[in-house]
């Protein structure tokens, strides 16, 4: 489940995950099995540059 405090952060998280390499399906004993992956993405605000 994807939750984000702001729509722009949600959009960026989706963009990052789509850029990941293709994942290999789960296998057990040579047979495909259902798997679950949790991926935590943390965003930190950037400091404003001083002029």
C-alpha atoms as a PDB file:
ATOM      1  CA  UNK A   1       0.000   0.000   0.000  1.00  0.00           C
ATOM      2  CA  UNK A   2       1.305   3.393  -0.918  1.00  0.00           C
ATOM      3  CA  UNK A   3       0.740   6.289   1.448  1.00  0.00           C
ATOM      4  CA  UNK A   4       2.257   9.717   1.154  1.00  0.00           C
ATOM      5  CA  UNK A   5       1.637  13.013   2.941  1.00  0.00           C
ATOM      6  CA  UNK A   6       1.564  14.810  -0.399  1.00  0.00           C
ATOM      7  CA  UNK A   7       0.593  13.850  -3.959  1.00  0.00           C
ATOM      8  CA  UNK A   8       3.943  15.069  -5.344  1.00  0.00           C
ATOM      9  CA  UNK A   9       5.834  12.693  -3.006  1.00  0.00           C
ATOM     10  CA  UNK A  10       3.590   9.815  -4.054  1.00  0.00           C
ATOM     11  CA  UNK A  11       4.282  10.599  -7.716  1.00  0.00           C
ATOM     12  CA  UNK A  12       8.045  10.673  -7.061  1.00  0.00           C
ATOM     13  CA  UNK A  13       7.914   7.342  -5.192  1.00  0.00           C
ATOM     14  CA  UNK A  14       6.136   5.706  -8.142  1.00  0.00           C
ATOM     15  CA  UNK A  15       8.716   7.173 -10.550  1.00  0.00           C
ATOM     16  CA  UNK A  16      11.600   5.789  -8.448  1.00  0.00           C
ATOM     17  CA  UNK A  17      10.099   2.290  -8.229  1.00  0.00           C
ATOM     18  CA  UNK A  18       9.429   2.188 -11.973  1.00  0.00           C
ATOM     19  CA  UNK A  19      13.136   2.927 -12.589  1.00  0.00           C
ATOM     20  CA  UNK A  20      14.244  -0.121 -10.553  1.00  0.00           C
ATOM     21  CA  UNK A  21      15.544  -3.176 -12.426  1.00  0.00           C
ATOM     22  CA  UNK A  22      12.985  -5.913 -13.112  1.00  0.00           C
ATOM     23  CA  UNK A  23      12.546  -8.175 -10.123  1.00  0.00           C
ATOM     24  CA  UNK A  24      12.941 -11.937 -10.339  1.00  0.00           C
ATOM     25  CA  UNK A  25       9.858 -13.963  -9.359  1.00  0.00           C
ATOM     26  CA  UNK A  26       9.969 -15.928  -6.106  1.00  0.00           C
ATOM     27  CA  UNK A  27      10.802 -19.640  -6.335  1.00  0.00           C
ATOM     28  CA  UNK A  28      10.859 -22.482  -3.861  1.00  0.00           C
ATOM     29  CA  UNK A  29      12.051 -25.889  -4.959  1.00  0.00           C
ATOM     30  CA  UNK A  30      12.075 -24.679  -8.576  1.00  0.00           C
ATOM     31  CA  UNK A  31       8.380 -23.741  -8.422  1.00  0.00           C
ATOM     32  CA  UNK A  32       7.029 -20.189  -8.536  1.00  0.00           C
ATOM     33  CA  UNK A  33       5.618 -18.973  -5.207  1.00  0.00           C
ATOM     34  CA  UNK A  34       3.859 -15.831  -4.069  1.00  0.00           C
ATOM     35  CA  UNK A  35       6.177 -13.311  -2.453  1.00  0.00           C
ATOM     36  CA  UNK A  36       5.800  -9.930  -0.830  1.00  0.00           C
ATOM     37  CA  UNK A  37       8.223  -7.015  -0.878  1.00  0.00           C
ATOM     38  CA  UNK A  38       8.069  -3.963   1.363  1.00  0.00           C
ATOM     39  CA  UNK A  39      10.027  -0.994   0.114  1.00  0.00           C
ATOM     40  CA  UNK A  40      10.399   2.047   2.335  1.00  0.00           C
ATOM     41  CA  UNK A  41      11.258   5.314   0.626  1.00  0.00           C
ATOM     42  CA  UNK A  42      12.222   8.189   2.891  1.00  0.00           C
ATOM     43  CA  UNK A  43      12.199  11.752   1.670  1.00  0.00           C
ATOM     44  CA  UNK A  44      14.107  14.524   3.427  1.00  0.00           C
ATOM     45  CA  UNK A  45      13.477  18.192   2.730  1.00  0.00           C
ATOM     46  CA  UNK A  46      16.403  20.020   1.235  1.00  0.00           C
ATOM     47  CA  UNK A  47      17.765  23.035   3.021  1.00  0.00           C
ATOM     48  CA  UNK A  48      17.122  26.303   1.289  1.00  0.00           C
ATOM     49  CA  UNK A  49      20.319  27.784  -0.061  1.00  0.00           C
ATOM     50  CA  UNK A  50      21.194  31.145   1.421  1.00  0.00           C
ATOM     51  CA  UNK A  51      21.979  34.024  -0.887  1.00  0.00           C
END
